[in-house]
């Protein structure tokens, strides 16, 4: 089974909307899905909230002015492997 990527671009939104939309989308992930969030800066306040949802994540620079945060359910090895390769 291969994982499916969902994309969410919050880079143009004002606070707190990026946080709220990201948490909502992370809460909707089903097995085999991971979320790629495009953000204008690294969202440090998001990480403990993702942990509370049972999610894992990895952040990587997208360019000099953006970040990509990959999010998956912590108990989903298929999505974790796909996010590692993304």
PDB file of N, CA and C in Angstrom:
ATOM      1  N   UNK A   1       0.845  -1.185   0.000  1.00  0.00           N
ATOM      2  CA  UNK A   1       0.000   0.000   0.000  1.00  0.00           C
ATOM      3  C   UNK A   1       0.890   1.248   0.000  1.00  0.00           C
ATOM      4  N   UNK A   2       0.572   2.205  -0.853  1.00  0.00           N
ATOM      5  CA  UNK A   2       1.334   3.447  -0.874  1.00  0.00           C
ATOM      6  C   UNK A   2       0.552   4.540  -0.160  1.00  0.00           C
ATOM      7  N   UNK A   3       1.287   5.481   0.362  1.00  0.00           N
ATOM      8  CA  UNK A   3       0.653   6.575   1.110  1.00  0.00           C
ATOM      9  C   UNK A   3       0.168   7.655   0.155  1.00  0.00           C
ATOM     10  N   UNK A   4      -0.815   8.376   0.599  1.00  0.00           N
ATOM     11  CA  UNK A   4      -1.374   9.489  -0.170  1.00  0.00           C
ATOM     12  C   UNK A   4      -0.983  10.786   0.519  1.00  0.00           C
ATOM     13  N   UNK A   5      -0.501  11.739  -0.267  1.00  0.00           N
ATOM     14  CA  UNK A   5      -0.126  13.047   0.268  1.00  0.00           C
ATOM     15  C   UNK A   5      -1.298  14.008   0.151  1.00  0.00           C
ATOM     16  N   UNK A   6      -1.553  14.713   1.248  1.00  0.00           N
ATOM     17  CA  UNK A   6      -2.498  15.830   1.245  1.00  0.00           C
ATOM     18  C   UNK A   6      -1.665  17.099   1.393  1.00  0.00           C
ATOM     19  N   UNK A   7      -2.029  18.159   0.705  1.00  0.00           N
ATOM     20  CA  UNK A   7      -1.290  19.422   0.777  1.00  0.00           C
ATOM     21  C   UNK A   7      -2.164  20.506   1.394  1.00  0.00           C
ATOM     22  N   UNK A   8      -1.502  21.335   2.193  1.00  0.00           N
ATOM     23  CA  UNK A   8      -2.183  22.462   2.815  1.00  0.00           C
ATOM     24  C   UNK A   8      -1.232  23.646   2.778  1.00  0.00           C
ATOM     25  N   UNK A   9      -1.611  24.693   2.064  1.00  0.00           N
ATOM     26  CA  UNK A   9      -0.781  25.897   1.975  1.00  0.00           C
ATOM     27  C   UNK A   9      -1.365  26.960   2.902  1.00  0.00           C
ATOM     28  N   UNK A  10      -0.647  27.224   3.989  1.00  0.00           N
ATOM     29  CA  UNK A  10      -1.083  28.242   4.950  1.00  0.00           C
ATOM     30  C   UNK A  10      -0.147  29.442   4.938  1.00  0.00           C
ATOM     31  N   UNK A  11       0.726  29.488   3.935  1.00  0.00           N
ATOM     32  CA  UNK A  11       1.780  30.504   3.912  1.00  0.00           C
ATOM     33  C   UNK A  11       1.261  31.937   3.792  1.00  0.00           C
ATOM     34  N   UNK A  12       0.067  32.117   3.269  1.00  0.00           N
ATOM     35  CA  UNK A  12      -0.463  33.466   3.116  1.00  0.00           C
ATOM     36  C   UNK A  12      -1.475  33.866   4.177  1.00  0.00           C
ATOM     37  N   UNK A  13      -1.674  33.007   5.170  1.00  0.00           N
ATOM     38  CA  UNK A  13      -2.689  33.277   6.187  1.00  0.00           C
ATOM     39  C   UNK A  13      -2.105  34.000   7.394  1.00  0.00           C
ATOM     40  N   UNK A  14      -2.953  34.731   8.078  1.00  0.00           N
ATOM     41  CA  UNK A  14      -2.548  35.451   9.293  1.00  0.00           C
ATOM     42  C   UNK A  14      -2.722  34.543  10.508  1.00  0.00           C
ATOM     43  N   UNK A  15      -1.896  34.756  11.555  1.00  0.00           N
ATOM     44  CA  UNK A  15      -2.048  33.964  12.783  1.00  0.00           C
ATOM     45  C   UNK A  15      -3.458  34.175  13.349  1.00  0.00           C
ATOM     46  N   UNK A  16      -3.978  33.242  13.874  1.00  0.00           N
ATOM     47  CA  UNK A  16      -3.786  31.854  14.262  1.00  0.00           C
ATOM     48  C   UNK A  16      -4.330  30.894  13.222  1.00  0.00           C
ATOM     49  N   UNK A  17      -4.742  31.399  12.085  1.00  0.00           N
ATOM     50  CA  UNK A  17      -5.379  30.550  11.094  1.00  0.00           C
ATOM     51  C   UNK A  17      -4.483  29.411  10.602  1.00  0.00           C
ATOM     52  N   UNK A  18      -3.172  29.613  10.376  1.00  0.00           N
ATOM     53  CA  UNK A  18      -2.343  28.477   9.973  1.00  0.00           C
ATOM     54  C   UNK A  18      -2.352  27.348  11.001  1.00  0.00           C
ATOM     55  N   UNK A  19      -2.259  27.694  12.261  1.00  0.00           N
ATOM     56  CA  UNK A  19      -2.266  26.706  13.328  1.00  0.00           C
ATOM     57  C   UNK A  19      -3.600  25.956  13.358  1.00  0.00           C
ATOM     58  N   UNK A  20      -4.687  26.680  13.307  1.00  0.00           N
ATOM     59  CA  UNK A  20      -6.007  26.073  13.373  1.00  0.00           C
ATOM     60  C   UNK A  20      -6.276  25.159  12.184  1.00  0.00           C
ATOM     61  N   UNK A  21      -5.932  25.604  10.989  1.00  0.00           N
ATOM     62  CA  UNK A  21      -6.168  24.783   9.792  1.00  0.00           C
ATOM     63  C   UNK A  21      -5.280  23.543   9.779  1.00  0.00           C
ATOM     64  N   UNK A  22      -4.035  23.704  10.231  1.00  0.00           N
ATOM     65  CA  UNK A  22      -3.127  22.565  10.261  1.00  0.00           C
ATOM     66  C   UNK A  22      -3.604  21.518  11.260  1.00  0.00           C
ATOM     67  N   UNK A  23      -4.008  21.947  12.441  1.00  0.00           N
ATOM     68  CA  UNK A  23      -4.508  21.001  13.440  1.00  0.00           C
ATOM     69  C   UNK A  23      -5.770  20.288  12.949  1.00  0.00           C
ATOM     70  N   UNK A  24      -6.650  21.020  12.295  1.00  0.00           N
ATOM     71  CA  UNK A  24      -7.876  20.406  11.772  1.00  0.00           C
ATOM     72  C   UNK A  24      -7.533  19.356  10.719  1.00  0.00           C
ATOM     73  N   UNK A  25      -6.634  19.689   9.811  1.00  0.00           N
ATOM     74  CA  UNK A  25      -6.258  18.742   8.760  1.00  0.00           C
ATOM     75  C   UNK A  25      -5.524  17.541   9.334  1.00  0.00           C
ATOM     76  N   UNK A  26      -4.662  17.752  10.316  1.00  0.00           N
ATOM     77  CA  UNK A  26      -3.936  16.640  10.948  1.00  0.00           C
ATOM     78  C   UNK A  26      -4.911  15.708  11.655  1.00  0.00           C
ATOM     79  N   UNK A  27      -5.935  16.264  12.269  1.00  0.00           N
ATOM     80  CA  UNK A  27      -6.928  15.457  12.961  1.00  0.00           C
ATOM     81  C   UNK A  27      -7.779  14.620  12.023  1.00  0.00           C
ATOM     82  N   UNK A  28      -7.803  14.958  10.748  1.00  0.00           N
ATOM     83  CA  UNK A  28      -8.592  14.230   9.756  1.00  0.00           C
ATOM     84  C   UNK A  28      -7.787  13.159   9.020  1.00  0.00           C
ATOM     85  N   UNK A  29      -6.487  13.051   9.295  1.00  0.00           N
ATOM     86  CA  UNK A  29      -5.663  12.069   8.585  1.00  0.00           C
ATOM     87  C   UNK A  29      -6.162  10.651   8.857  1.00  0.00           C
ATOM     88  N   UNK A  30      -6.226   9.868   7.811  1.00  0.00           N
ATOM     89  CA  UNK A  30      -6.594   8.461   7.930  1.00  0.00           C
ATOM     90  C   UNK A  30      -5.347   7.624   7.645  1.00  0.00           C
ATOM     91  N   UNK A  31      -5.351   6.362   8.014  1.00  0.00           N
ATOM     92  CA  UNK A  31      -4.183   5.525   7.737  1.00  0.00           C
ATOM     93  C   UNK A  31      -3.788   5.588   6.261  1.00  0.00           C
ATOM     94  N   UNK A  32      -2.498   5.721   6.033  1.00  0.00           N
ATOM     95  CA  UNK A  32      -1.995   5.800   4.668  1.00  0.00           C
ATOM     96  C   UNK A  32      -1.912   7.207   4.114  1.00  0.00           C
ATOM     97  N   UNK A  33      -2.210   8.210   4.915  1.00  0.00           N
ATOM     98  CA  UNK A  33      -2.127   9.608   4.476  1.00  0.00           C
ATOM     99  C   UNK A  33      -1.084  10.352   5.292  1.00  0.00           C
ATOM    100  N   UNK A  34      -0.421  11.295   4.625  1.00  0.00           N
ATOM    101  CA  UNK A  34       0.386  12.261   5.349  1.00  0.00           C
ATOM    102  C   UNK A  34       0.081  13.640   4.791  1.00  0.00           C
ATOM    103  N   UNK A  35       0.380  14.640   5.576  1.00  0.00           N
ATOM    104  CA  UNK A  35       0.043  16.020   5.263  1.00  0.00           C
ATOM    105  C   UNK A  35       1.316  16.814   5.017  1.00  0.00           C
ATOM    106  N   UNK A  36       1.362  17.520   3.893  1.00  0.00           N
ATOM    107  CA  UNK A  36       2.467  18.438   3.605  1.00  0.00           C
ATOM    108  C   UNK A  36       1.927  19.858   3.777  1.00  0.00           C
ATOM    109  N   UNK A  37       2.416  20.549   4.803  1.00  0.00           N
ATOM    110  CA  UNK A  37       1.965  21.906   5.094  1.00  0.00           C
ATOM    111  C   UNK A  37       3.029  22.886   4.622  1.00  0.00           C
ATOM    112  N   UNK A  38       2.627  23.840   3.810  1.00  0.00           N
ATOM    113  CA  UNK A  38       3.517  24.894   3.337  1.00  0.00           C
ATOM    114  C   UNK A  38       3.296  26.113   4.217  1.00  0.00           C
ATOM    115  N   UNK A  39       4.365  26.560   4.864  1.00  0.00           N
ATOM    116  CA  UNK A  39       4.270  27.631   5.866  1.00  0.00           C
ATOM    117  C   UNK A  39       5.381  28.644   5.617  1.00  0.00           C
ATOM    118  N   UNK A  40       5.147  29.883   5.990  1.00  0.00           N
ATOM    119  CA  UNK A  40       6.172  30.904   5.762  1.00  0.00           C
ATOM    120  C   UNK A  40       7.268  30.914   6.827  1.00  0.00           C
ATOM    121  N   UNK A  41       7.027  30.213   7.947  1.00  0.00           N
ATOM    122  CA  UNK A  41       8.067  30.093   8.972  1.00  0.00           C
ATOM    123  C   UNK A  41       7.863  28.783   9.732  1.00  0.00           C
ATOM    124  N   UNK A  42       8.857  28.380  10.486  1.00  0.00           N
ATOM    125  CA  UNK A  42       8.726  27.124  11.209  1.00  0.00           C
ATOM    126  C   UNK A  42       7.740  27.304  12.362  1.00  0.00           C
ATOM    127  N   UNK A  43       6.697  26.483  12.413  1.00  0.00           N
ATOM    128  CA  UNK A  43       5.621  26.668  13.401  1.00  0.00           C
ATOM    129  C   UNK A  43       5.887  25.937  14.725  1.00  0.00           C
ATOM    130  N   UNK A  44       6.834  26.431  15.492  1.00  0.00           N
ATOM    131  CA  UNK A  44       7.212  25.780  16.750  1.00  0.00           C
ATOM    132  C   UNK A  44       6.036  25.527  17.697  1.00  0.00           C
ATOM    133  N   UNK A  45       5.066  26.446  17.856  1.00  0.00           N
ATOM    134  CA  UNK A  45       3.950  26.177  18.773  1.00  0.00           C
ATOM    135  C   UNK A  45       3.080  24.985  18.338  1.00  0.00           C
ATOM    136  N   UNK A  46       3.140  24.620  17.079  1.00  0.00           N
ATOM    137  CA  UNK A  46       2.337  23.524  16.559  1.00  0.00           C
ATOM    138  C   UNK A  46       2.787  22.161  17.078  1.00  0.00           C
ATOM    139  N   UNK A  47       4.077  21.971  17.279  1.00  0.00           N
ATOM    140  CA  UNK A  47       4.630  20.644  17.552  1.00  0.00           C
ATOM    141  C   UNK A  47       4.075  19.959  18.800  1.00  0.00           C
ATOM    142  N   UNK A  48       3.980  20.620  19.952  1.00  0.00           N
ATOM    143  CA  UNK A  48       3.389  19.930  21.107  1.00  0.00           C
ATOM    144  C   UNK A  48       1.918  19.577  20.899  1.00  0.00           C
ATOM    145  N   UNK A  49       1.216  20.383  20.115  1.00  0.00           N
ATOM    146  CA  UNK A  49      -0.187  20.101  19.838  1.00  0.00           C
ATOM    147  C   UNK A  49      -0.315  18.874  18.943  1.00  0.00           C
ATOM    148  N   UNK A  50       0.602  18.722  18.009  1.00  0.00           N
ATOM    149  CA  UNK A  50       0.597  17.532  17.163  1.00  0.00           C
ATOM    150  C   UNK A  50       0.852  16.284  17.998  1.00  0.00           C
ATOM    151  N   UNK A  51       1.770  16.389  18.956  1.00  0.00           N
ATOM    152  CA  UNK A  51       2.037  15.259  19.849  1.00  0.00           C
ATOM    153  C   UNK A  51       0.768  14.848  20.590  1.00  0.00           C
ATOM    154  N   UNK A  52       0.007  15.823  21.056  1.00  0.00           N
ATOM    155  CA  UNK A  52      -1.235  15.519  21.775  1.00  0.00           C
ATOM    156  C   UNK A  52      -2.244  14.805  20.880  1.00  0.00           C
ATOM    157  N   UNK A  53      -2.179  15.066  19.576  1.00  0.00           N
ATOM    158  CA  UNK A  53      -3.074  14.400  18.627  1.00  0.00           C
ATOM    159  C   UNK A  53      -2.558  13.009  18.243  1.00  0.00           C
ATOM    160  N   UNK A  54      -1.354  12.666  18.695  1.00  0.00           N
ATOM    161  CA  UNK A  54      -0.766  11.382  18.328  1.00  0.00           C
ATOM    162  C   UNK A  54      -0.077  11.408  16.981  1.00  0.00           C
ATOM    163  N   UNK A  55       0.305  12.600  16.538  1.00  0.00           N
ATOM    164  CA  UNK A  55       0.951  12.752  15.243  1.00  0.00           C
ATOM    165  C   UNK A  55       2.466  12.901  15.398  1.00  0.00           C
ATOM    166  N   UNK A  56       3.156  12.539  14.343  1.00  0.00           N
ATOM    167  CA  UNK A  56       4.589  12.769  14.232  1.00  0.00           C
ATOM    168  C   UNK A  56       4.800  13.761  13.092  1.00  0.00           C
ATOM    169  N   UNK A  57       5.967  14.365  13.033  1.00  0.00           N
ATOM    170  CA  UNK A  57       6.215  15.369  12.003  1.00  0.00           C
ATOM    171  C   UNK A  57       7.705  15.483  11.737  1.00  0.00           C
ATOM    172  N   UNK A  58       7.971  16.166  10.639  1.00  0.00           N
ATOM    173  CA  UNK A  58       9.333  16.549  10.278  1.00  0.00           C
ATOM    174  C   UNK A  58       9.217  17.855   9.518  1.00  0.00           C
ATOM    175  N   UNK A  59      10.117  18.774   9.817  1.00  0.00           N
ATOM    176  CA  UNK A  59      10.114  20.080   9.165  1.00  0.00           C
ATOM    177  C   UNK A  59      11.364  20.193   8.307  1.00  0.00           C
ATOM    178  N   UNK A  60      11.187  20.744   7.114  1.00  0.00           N
ATOM    179  CA  UNK A  60      12.326  20.946   6.218  1.00  0.00           C
ATOM    180  C   UNK A  60      12.162  22.294   5.524  1.00  0.00           C
ATOM    181  N   UNK A  61      13.286  22.958   5.258  1.00  0.00           N
ATOM    182  CA  UNK A  61      13.189  24.215   4.518  1.00  0.00           C
ATOM    183  C   UNK A  61      12.673  23.960   3.112  1.00  0.00           C
ATOM    184  N   UNK A  62      11.750  24.777   2.675  1.00  0.00           N
ATOM    185  CA  UNK A  62      11.241  24.688   1.312  1.00  0.00           C
ATOM    186  C   UNK A  62      12.001  25.612   0.393  1.00  0.00           C
ATOM    187  N   UNK A  63      12.337  26.785   0.891  1.00  0.00           N
ATOM    188  CA  UNK A  63      13.148  27.776   0.189  1.00  0.00           C
ATOM    189  C   UNK A  63      13.666  28.731   1.261  1.00  0.00           C
ATOM    190  N   UNK A  64      14.214  29.840   0.853  1.00  0.00           N
ATOM    191  CA  UNK A  64      14.745  30.783   1.833  1.00  0.00           C
ATOM    192  C   UNK A  64      13.655  31.469   2.641  1.00  0.00           C
ATOM    193  N   UNK A  65      12.414  31.413   2.165  1.00  0.00           N
ATOM    194  CA  UNK A  65      11.324  32.100   2.867  1.00  0.00           C
ATOM    195  C   UNK A  65      10.155  31.181   3.194  1.00  0.00           C
ATOM    196  N   UNK A  66      10.368  29.876   3.148  1.00  0.00           N
ATOM    197  CA  UNK A  66       9.259  28.976   3.446  1.00  0.00           C
ATOM    198  C   UNK A  66       9.746  27.678   4.081  1.00  0.00           C
ATOM    199  N   UNK A  67       8.813  26.988   4.697  1.00  0.00           N
ATOM    200  CA  UNK A  67       9.075  25.703   5.320  1.00  0.00           C
ATOM    201  C   UNK A  67       7.993  24.722   4.898  1.00  0.00           C
ATOM    202  N   UNK A  68       8.356  23.455   4.872  1.00  0.00           N
ATOM    203  CA  UNK A  68       7.398  22.379   4.662  1.00  0.00           C
ATOM    204  C   UNK A  68       7.387  21.542   5.926  1.00  0.00           C
ATOM    205  N   UNK A  69       6.203  21.308   6.458  1.00  0.00           N
ATOM    206  CA  UNK A  69       6.054  20.446   7.623  1.00  0.00           C
ATOM    207  C   UNK A  69       5.287  19.214   7.155  1.00  0.00           C
ATOM    208  N   UNK A  70       5.908  18.061   7.292  1.00  0.00           N
ATOM    209  CA  UNK A  70       5.275  16.799   6.934  1.00  0.00           C
ATOM    210  C   UNK A  70       4.717  16.180   8.206  1.00  0.00           C
ATOM    211  N   UNK A  71       3.447  15.825   8.191  1.00  0.00           N
ATOM    212  CA  UNK A  71       2.744  15.348   9.381  1.00  0.00           C
ATOM    213  C   UNK A  71       2.059  14.029   9.044  1.00  0.00           C
ATOM    214  N   UNK A  72       2.159  13.059   9.964  1.00  0.00           N
ATOM    215  CA  UNK A  72       1.481  11.778   9.795  1.00  0.00           C
ATOM    216  C   UNK A  72       1.063  11.252  11.151  1.00  0.00           C
ATOM    217  N   UNK A  73       0.153  10.303  11.143  1.00  0.00           N
ATOM    218  CA  UNK A  73      -0.256   9.662  12.397  1.00  0.00           C
ATOM    219  C   UNK A  73       0.930   8.860  12.924  1.00  0.00           C
ATOM    220  N   UNK A  74       1.185   8.980  14.199  1.00  0.00           N
ATOM    221  CA  UNK A  74       2.344   8.334  14.794  1.00  0.00           C
ATOM    222  C   UNK A  74       2.319   6.823  14.715  1.00  0.00           C
ATOM    223  N   UNK A  75       1.138   6.241  14.558  1.00  0.00           N
ATOM    224  CA  UNK A  75       1.006   4.786  14.492  1.00  0.00           C
ATOM    225  C   UNK A  75       0.849   4.274  13.055  1.00  0.00           C
ATOM    226  N   UNK A  76       1.285   5.062  12.080  1.00  0.00           N
ATOM    227  CA  UNK A  76       1.094   4.726  10.671  1.00  0.00           C
ATOM    228  C   UNK A  76       2.444   4.556   9.969  1.00  0.00           C
ATOM    229  N   UNK A  77       2.974   3.337   9.907  1.00  0.00           N
ATOM    230  CA  UNK A  77       4.289   3.128   9.294  1.00  0.00           C
ATOM    231  C   UNK A  77       4.318   3.408   7.795  1.00  0.00           C
ATOM    232  N   UNK A  78       3.196   3.218   7.108  1.00  0.00           N
ATOM    233  CA  UNK A  78       3.153   3.484   5.666  1.00  0.00           C
ATOM    234  C   UNK A  78       3.324   4.979   5.409  1.00  0.00           C
ATOM    235  N   UNK A  79       2.565   5.789   6.119  1.00  0.00           N
ATOM    236  CA  UNK A  79       2.658   7.240   5.950  1.00  0.00           C
ATOM    237  C   UNK A  79       4.018   7.751   6.442  1.00  0.00           C
ATOM    238  N   UNK A  80       4.546   7.178   7.514  1.00  0.00           N
ATOM    239  CA  UNK A  80       5.863   7.585   8.022  1.00  0.00           C
ATOM    240  C   UNK A  80       6.938   7.339   6.984  1.00  0.00           C
ATOM    241  N   UNK A  81       6.893   6.195   6.324  1.00  0.00           N
ATOM    242  CA  UNK A  81       7.887   5.880   5.291  1.00  0.00           C
ATOM    243  C   UNK A  81       7.753   6.813   4.100  1.00  0.00           C
ATOM    244  N   UNK A  82       6.530   7.110   3.696  1.00  0.00           N
ATOM    245  CA  UNK A  82       6.312   8.016   2.573  1.00  0.00           C
ATOM    246  C   UNK A  82       6.778   9.430   2.899  1.00  0.00           C
ATOM    247  N   UNK A  83       6.515   9.889   4.108  1.00  0.00           N
ATOM    248  CA  UNK A  83       6.944  11.227   4.526  1.00  0.00           C
ATOM    249  C   UNK A  83       8.468  11.299   4.594  1.00  0.00           C
ATOM    250  N   UNK A  84       9.111  10.208   4.990  1.00  0.00           N
ATOM    251  CA  UNK A  84      10.580  10.185   5.045  1.00  0.00           C
ATOM    252  C   UNK A  84      11.184  10.311   3.656  1.00  0.00           C
ATOM    253  N   UNK A  85      10.487   9.808   2.643  1.00  0.00           N
ATOM    254  CA  UNK A  85      10.979   9.873   1.268  1.00  0.00           C
ATOM    255  C   UNK A  85      10.556  11.146   0.552  1.00  0.00           C
ATOM    256  N   UNK A  86       9.658  11.919   1.138  1.00  0.00           N
ATOM    257  CA  UNK A  86       9.117  13.118   0.487  1.00  0.00           C
ATOM    258  C   UNK A  86      10.093  14.269   0.502  1.00  0.00           C
TER     259      UNK A  86
END
